[in-house]
Amino acid sequence: MNDWAGPIIATALFAFLCPGLIFQMPGKNRAVDFMNMKTSIVSMLLHTVFFGLFLMLFLVVLNIHLYA
């Protein structure tokens, strides 16, 4: 039995936390821009930090498993 929670959660977080896809923090003109499809170095770094924190939350703190 393989644990698929890690790859599925990491892929979903990567897709949703791409800067500019759904939201971007910090935005160009505001603190949060929605669906502007543009990015900056600061935004990439902030989204990377959030990706790591959410991944640790789901896999380490909540200890989620999905066996198939």
PDB file of N, CA and C in Angstrom:
ATOM      1  N   MET A   1       0.851  -1.179   0.000  1.00  0.00           N
ATOM      2  CA  MET A   1       0.000   0.000   0.000  1.00  0.00           C
ATOM      3  C   MET A   1       0.900   1.247   0.000  1.00  0.00           C
ATOM      4  N   ASN A   2       0.615   2.141  -0.905  1.00  0.00           N
ATOM      5  CA  ASN A   2       1.367   3.380  -1.013  1.00  0.00           C
ATOM      6  C   ASN A   2       0.587   4.532  -0.398  1.00  0.00           C
ATOM      7  N   ASP A   3       1.308   5.433   0.241  1.00  0.00           N
ATOM      8  CA  ASP A   3       0.689   6.623   0.817  1.00  0.00           C
ATOM      9  C   ASP A   3       0.734   7.737  -0.221  1.00  0.00           C
ATOM     10  N   TRP A   4      -0.431   8.118  -0.772  1.00  0.00           N
ATOM     11  CA  TRP A   4      -0.523   9.117  -1.830  1.00  0.00           C
ATOM     12  C   TRP A   4      -0.840  10.512  -1.316  1.00  0.00           C
ATOM     13  N   ALA A   5      -0.956  10.699  -0.022  1.00  0.00           N
ATOM     14  CA  ALA A   5      -1.325  12.011   0.507  1.00  0.00           C
ATOM     15  C   ALA A   5      -0.263  13.060   0.198  1.00  0.00           C
ATOM     16  N   GLY A   6       0.994  12.724   0.364  1.00  0.00           N
ATOM     17  CA  GLY A   6       2.066  13.691   0.130  1.00  0.00           C
ATOM     18  C   GLY A   6       2.091  14.240  -1.287  1.00  0.00           C
ATOM     19  N   PRO A   7       2.149  13.370  -2.304  1.00  0.00           N
ATOM     20  CA  PRO A   7       2.165  13.889  -3.678  1.00  0.00           C
ATOM     21  C   PRO A   7       0.902  14.645  -4.069  1.00  0.00           C
ATOM     22  N   ILE A   8      -0.251  14.174  -3.617  1.00  0.00           N
ATOM     23  CA  ILE A   8      -1.506  14.842  -3.976  1.00  0.00           C
ATOM     24  C   ILE A   8      -1.594  16.211  -3.317  1.00  0.00           C
ATOM     25  N   ILE A   9      -1.274  16.300  -2.043  1.00  0.00           N
ATOM     26  CA  ILE A   9      -1.325  17.579  -1.342  1.00  0.00           C
ATOM     27  C   ILE A   9      -0.287  18.544  -1.891  1.00  0.00           C
ATOM     28  N   ALA A  10       0.926  18.066  -2.153  1.00  0.00           N
ATOM     29  CA  ALA A  10       1.977  18.937  -2.691  1.00  0.00           C
ATOM     30  C   ALA A  10       1.602  19.463  -4.074  1.00  0.00           C
ATOM     31  N   THR A  11       1.031  18.620  -4.921  1.00  0.00           N
ATOM     32  CA  THR A  11       0.630  19.050  -6.257  1.00  0.00           C
ATOM     33  C   THR A  11      -0.504  20.065  -6.198  1.00  0.00           C
ATOM     34  N   ALA A  12      -1.490  19.824  -5.344  1.00  0.00           N
ATOM     35  CA  ALA A  12      -2.606  20.756  -5.220  1.00  0.00           C
ATOM     36  C   ALA A  12      -2.139  22.102  -4.662  1.00  0.00           C
ATOM     37  N   LEU A  13      -1.295  22.077  -3.643  1.00  0.00           N
ATOM     38  CA  LEU A  13      -0.779  23.331  -3.094  1.00  0.00           C
ATOM     39  C   LEU A  13       0.057  24.081  -4.121  1.00  0.00           C
ATOM     40  N   PHE A  14       0.880  23.365  -4.886  1.00  0.00           N
ATOM     41  CA  PHE A  14       1.691  24.006  -5.909  1.00  0.00           C
ATOM     42  C   PHE A  14       0.809  24.687  -6.948  1.00  0.00           C
ATOM     43  N   ALA A  15      -0.276  24.021  -7.351  1.00  0.00           N
ATOM     44  CA  ALA A  15      -1.172  24.592  -8.357  1.00  0.00           C
ATOM     45  C   ALA A  15      -1.914  25.815  -7.821  1.00  0.00           C
ATOM     46  N   PHE A  16      -2.403  25.743  -6.601  1.00  0.00           N
ATOM     47  CA  PHE A  16      -3.191  26.850  -6.056  1.00  0.00           C
ATOM     48  C   PHE A  16      -2.335  28.011  -5.571  1.00  0.00           C
ATOM     49  N   LEU A  17      -1.081  27.751  -5.204  1.00  0.00           N
ATOM     50  CA  LEU A  17      -0.236  28.817  -4.672  1.00  0.00           C
ATOM     51  C   LEU A  17       0.737  29.397  -5.696  1.00  0.00           C
ATOM     52  N   CYS A  18       0.536  29.113  -6.976  1.00  0.00           N
ATOM     53  CA  CYS A  18       1.361  29.762  -7.999  1.00  0.00           C
ATOM     54  C   CYS A  18       1.039  31.253  -7.986  1.00  0.00           C
ATOM     55  N   PRO A  19       2.049  32.109  -7.842  1.00  0.00           N
ATOM     56  CA  PRO A  19       1.782  33.550  -7.785  1.00  0.00           C
ATOM     57  C   PRO A  19       1.098  34.042  -9.055  1.00  0.00           C
ATOM     58  N   GLY A  20      -0.004  34.754  -8.884  1.00  0.00           N
ATOM     59  CA  GLY A  20      -0.729  35.337 -10.002  1.00  0.00           C
ATOM     60  C   GLY A  20      -1.834  34.474 -10.555  1.00  0.00           C
ATOM     61  N   LEU A  21      -1.874  33.194 -10.206  1.00  0.00           N
ATOM     62  CA  LEU A  21      -2.910  32.331 -10.765  1.00  0.00           C
ATOM     63  C   LEU A  21      -4.262  32.645 -10.135  1.00  0.00           C
ATOM     64  N   ILE A  22      -4.389  32.490  -8.837  1.00  0.00           N
ATOM     65  CA  ILE A  22      -5.623  32.824  -8.136  1.00  0.00           C
ATOM     66  C   ILE A  22      -5.458  34.142  -7.391  1.00  0.00           C
ATOM     67  N   PHE A  23      -4.366  34.253  -6.635  1.00  0.00           N
ATOM     68  CA  PHE A  23      -4.078  35.503  -5.925  1.00  0.00           C
ATOM     69  C   PHE A  23      -2.573  35.693  -5.868  1.00  0.00           C
ATOM     70  N   GLN A  24      -2.176  36.921  -5.611  1.00  0.00           N
ATOM     71  CA  GLN A  24      -0.761  37.241  -5.500  1.00  0.00           C
ATOM     72  C   GLN A  24      -0.549  38.152  -4.301  1.00  0.00           C
ATOM     73  N   MET A  25       0.371  37.749  -3.429  1.00  0.00           N
ATOM     74  CA  MET A  25       0.715  38.555  -2.254  1.00  0.00           C
ATOM     75  C   MET A  25       2.216  38.794  -2.266  1.00  0.00           C
ATOM     76  N   PRO A  26       2.747  39.933  -2.153  1.00  0.00           N
ATOM     77  CA  PRO A  26       2.096  41.234  -2.314  1.00  0.00           C
ATOM     78  C   PRO A  26       1.862  41.524  -3.786  1.00  0.00           C
ATOM     79  N   GLY A  27       0.789  42.220  -4.064  1.00  0.00           N
ATOM     80  CA  GLY A  27       0.456  42.570  -5.437  1.00  0.00           C
ATOM     81  C   GLY A  27       1.255  43.775  -5.900  1.00  0.00           C
ATOM     82  N   LYS A  28       1.056  44.149  -7.143  1.00  0.00           N
ATOM     83  CA  LYS A  28       1.760  45.303  -7.693  1.00  0.00           C
ATOM     84  C   LYS A  28       1.234  46.605  -7.106  1.00  0.00           C
ATOM     85  N   ASN A  29      -0.087  46.749  -7.014  1.00  0.00           N
ATOM     86  CA  ASN A  29      -0.691  47.996  -6.540  1.00  0.00           C
ATOM     87  C   ASN A  29      -1.370  47.858  -5.185  1.00  0.00           C
ATOM     88  N   ARG A  30      -1.694  46.642  -4.789  1.00  0.00           N
ATOM     89  CA  ARG A  30      -2.392  46.399  -3.527  1.00  0.00           C
ATOM     90  C   ARG A  30      -1.673  45.302  -2.763  1.00  0.00           C
ATOM     91  N   ALA A  31      -2.124  45.063  -1.546  1.00  0.00           N
ATOM     92  CA  ALA A  31      -1.523  43.993  -0.740  1.00  0.00           C
ATOM     93  C   ALA A  31      -1.808  42.620  -1.345  1.00  0.00           C
ATOM     94  N   VAL A  32      -3.019  42.440  -1.884  1.00  0.00           N
ATOM     95  CA  VAL A  32      -3.400  41.176  -2.523  1.00  0.00           C
ATOM     96  C   VAL A  32      -4.068  41.495  -3.851  1.00  0.00           C
ATOM     97  N   ASP A  33      -3.540  40.950  -4.933  1.00  0.00           N
ATOM     98  CA  ASP A  33      -4.153  41.054  -6.260  1.00  0.00           C
ATOM     99  C   ASP A  33      -4.741  39.710  -6.628  1.00  0.00           C
ATOM    100  N   PHE A  34      -5.842  39.722  -7.357  1.00  0.00           N
ATOM    101  CA  PHE A  34      -6.502  38.484  -7.749  1.00  0.00           C
ATOM    102  C   PHE A  34      -6.433  38.301  -9.256  1.00  0.00           C
ATOM    103  N   MET A  35      -5.976  37.125  -9.688  1.00  0.00           N
ATOM    104  CA  MET A  35      -5.962  36.679 -11.080  1.00  0.00           C
ATOM    105  C   MET A  35      -5.345  37.702 -12.022  1.00  0.00           C
ATOM    106  N   ASN A  36      -4.161  38.210 -11.687  1.00  0.00           N
ATOM    107  CA  ASN A  36      -3.526  39.181 -12.565  1.00  0.00           C
ATOM    108  C   ASN A  36      -2.478  38.552 -13.472  1.00  0.00           C
ATOM    109  N   MET A  37      -2.087  37.289 -13.238  1.00  0.00           N
ATOM    110  CA  MET A  37      -1.149  36.531 -14.064  1.00  0.00           C
ATOM    111  C   MET A  37       0.218  37.209 -14.204  1.00  0.00           C
ATOM    112  N   LYS A  38       0.586  38.028 -13.221  1.00  0.00           N
ATOM    113  CA  LYS A  38       1.909  38.642 -13.186  1.00  0.00           C
ATOM    114  C   LYS A  38       2.527  38.315 -11.839  1.00  0.00           C
ATOM    115  N   THR A  39       3.847  38.344 -11.755  1.00  0.00           N
ATOM    116  CA  THR A  39       4.497  37.975 -10.511  1.00  0.00           C
ATOM    117  C   THR A  39       5.755  38.812 -10.299  1.00  0.00           C
ATOM    118  N   SER A  40       6.304  38.713  -9.103  1.00  0.00           N
ATOM    119  CA  SER A  40       7.544  39.402  -8.761  1.00  0.00           C
ATOM    120  C   SER A  40       8.379  38.467  -7.885  1.00  0.00           C
ATOM    121  N   ILE A  41       9.617  38.825  -7.660  1.00  0.00           N
ATOM    122  CA  ILE A  41      10.510  38.013  -6.832  1.00  0.00           C
ATOM    123  C   ILE A  41       9.990  37.926  -5.401  1.00  0.00           C
ATOM    124  N   VAL A  42       9.521  39.038  -4.853  1.00  0.00           N
ATOM    125  CA  VAL A  42       8.997  39.054  -3.485  1.00  0.00           C
ATOM    126  C   VAL A  42       7.774  38.151  -3.378  1.00  0.00           C
ATOM    127  N   SER A  43       6.916  38.196  -4.379  1.00  0.00           N
ATOM    128  CA  SER A  43       5.724  37.345  -4.383  1.00  0.00           C
ATOM    129  C   SER A  43       6.098  35.874  -4.458  1.00  0.00           C
ATOM    130  N   MET A  44       7.101  35.530  -5.266  1.00  0.00           N
ATOM    131  CA  MET A  44       7.549  34.140  -5.355  1.00  0.00           C
ATOM    132  C   MET A  44       8.088  33.649  -4.016  1.00  0.00           C
ATOM    133  N   LEU A  45       8.863  34.471  -3.358  1.00  0.00           N
ATOM    134  CA  LEU A  45       9.413  34.079  -2.056  1.00  0.00           C
ATOM    135  C   LEU A  45       8.311  33.900  -1.012  1.00  0.00           C
ATOM    136  N   LEU A  46       7.345  34.806  -0.987  1.00  0.00           N
ATOM    137  CA  LEU A  46       6.248  34.708  -0.018  1.00  0.00           C
ATOM    138  C   LEU A  46       5.391  33.473  -0.274  1.00  0.00           C
ATOM    139  N   HIS A  47       5.093  33.189  -1.541  1.00  0.00           N
ATOM    140  CA  HIS A  47       4.303  32.005  -1.861  1.00  0.00           C
ATOM    141  C   HIS A  47       5.086  30.722  -1.560  1.00  0.00           C
ATOM    142  N   THR A  48       6.409  30.755  -1.696  1.00  0.00           N
ATOM    143  CA  THR A  48       7.239  29.603  -1.342  1.00  0.00           C
ATOM    144  C   THR A  48       7.184  29.323   0.148  1.00  0.00           C
ATOM    145  N   VAL A  49       7.226  30.375   0.946  1.00  0.00           N
ATOM    146  CA  VAL A  49       7.128  30.212   2.400  1.00  0.00           C
ATOM    147  C   VAL A  49       5.769  29.631   2.776  1.00  0.00           C
ATOM    148  N   PHE A  50       4.689  30.153   2.175  1.00  0.00           N
ATOM    149  CA  PHE A  50       3.354  29.625   2.455  1.00  0.00           C
ATOM    150  C   PHE A  50       3.235  28.166   2.014  1.00  0.00           C
ATOM    151  N   PHE A  51       3.816  27.815   0.853  1.00  0.00           N
ATOM    152  CA  PHE A  51       3.788  26.427   0.381  1.00  0.00           C
ATOM    153  C   PHE A  51       4.440  25.501   1.404  1.00  0.00           C
ATOM    154  N   GLY A  52       5.602  25.890   1.897  1.00  0.00           N
ATOM    155  CA  GLY A  52       6.292  25.069   2.894  1.00  0.00           C
ATOM    156  C   GLY A  52       5.527  24.949   4.191  1.00  0.00           C
ATOM    157  N   LEU A  53       4.950  26.053   4.654  1.00  0.00           N
ATOM    158  CA  LEU A  53       4.185  26.020   5.902  1.00  0.00           C
ATOM    159  C   LEU A  53       2.929  25.164   5.783  1.00  0.00           C
ATOM    160  N   PHE A  54       2.192  25.311   4.669  1.00  0.00           N
ATOM    161  CA  PHE A  54       0.988  24.497   4.480  1.00  0.00           C
ATOM    162  C   PHE A  54       1.336  23.022   4.308  1.00  0.00           C
ATOM    163  N   LEU A  55       2.441  22.736   3.619  1.00  0.00           N
ATOM    164  CA  LEU A  55       2.852  21.341   3.446  1.00  0.00           C
ATOM    165  C   LEU A  55       3.211  20.713   4.781  1.00  0.00           C
ATOM    166  N   MET A  56       3.922  21.453   5.627  1.00  0.00           N
ATOM    167  CA  MET A  56       4.233  20.945   6.970  1.00  0.00           C
ATOM    168  C   MET A  56       2.962  20.775   7.802  1.00  0.00           C
ATOM    169  N   LEU A  57       2.024  21.699   7.665  1.00  0.00           N
ATOM    170  CA  LEU A  57       0.769  21.602   8.412  1.00  0.00           C
ATOM    171  C   LEU A  57       0.030  20.319   8.054  1.00  0.00           C
ATOM    172  N   PHE A  58      -0.146  20.068   6.751  1.00  0.00           N
ATOM    173  CA  PHE A  58      -0.919  18.907   6.333  1.00  0.00           C
ATOM    174  C   PHE A  58      -0.196  17.585   6.588  1.00  0.00           C
ATOM    175  N   LEU A  59       1.105  17.528   6.325  1.00  0.00           N
ATOM    176  CA  LEU A  59       1.802  16.247   6.392  1.00  0.00           C
ATOM    177  C   LEU A  59       2.406  15.943   7.754  1.00  0.00           C
ATOM    178  N   VAL A  60       2.837  16.946   8.494  1.00  0.00           N
ATOM    179  CA  VAL A  60       3.506  16.706   9.771  1.00  0.00           C
ATOM    180  C   VAL A  60       2.546  16.920  10.939  1.00  0.00           C
ATOM    181  N   VAL A  61       1.893  18.067  10.965  1.00  0.00           N
ATOM    182  CA  VAL A  61       1.037  18.396  12.119  1.00  0.00           C
ATOM    183  C   VAL A  61      -0.260  17.596  12.081  1.00  0.00           C
ATOM    184  N   LEU A  62      -0.967  17.621  10.942  1.00  0.00           N
ATOM    185  CA  LEU A  62      -2.245  16.908  10.849  1.00  0.00           C
ATOM    186  C   LEU A  62      -2.064  15.432  10.531  1.00  0.00           C
ATOM    187  N   ASN A  63      -0.887  15.043  10.024  1.00  0.00           N
ATOM    188  CA  ASN A  63      -0.534  13.643   9.758  1.00  0.00           C
ATOM    189  C   ASN A  63      -1.579  12.960   8.867  1.00  0.00           C
ATOM    190  N   ILE A  64      -1.853  13.579   7.718  1.00  0.00           N
ATOM    191  CA  ILE A  64      -2.849  13.059   6.781  1.00  0.00           C
ATOM    192  C   ILE A  64      -2.232  11.954   5.928  1.00  0.00           C
ATOM    193  N   HIS A  65      -2.991  10.868   5.748  1.00  0.00           N
ATOM    194  CA  HIS A  65      -2.555   9.737   4.916  1.00  0.00           C
ATOM    195  C   HIS A  65      -3.688   9.339   3.986  1.00  0.00           C
ATOM    196  N   LEU A  66      -3.309   8.902   2.790  1.00  0.00           N
ATOM    197  CA  LEU A  66      -4.266   8.406   1.800  1.00  0.00           C
ATOM    198  C   LEU A  66      -3.648   7.179   1.155  1.00  0.00           C
ATOM    199  N   TYR A  67      -4.160   6.017   1.497  1.00  0.00           N
ATOM    200  CA  TYR A  67      -3.601   4.767   0.994  1.00  0.00           C
ATOM    201  C   TYR A  67      -4.426   4.250  -0.164  1.00  0.00           C
ATOM    202  N   ALA A  68      -3.725   3.807  -1.218  1.00  0.00           N
ATOM    203  CA  ALA A  68      -4.421   3.237  -2.373  1.00  0.00           C
ATOM    204  C   ALA A  68      -3.710   2.007  -2.851  1.00  0.00           C
TER     205      ALA A  68
END
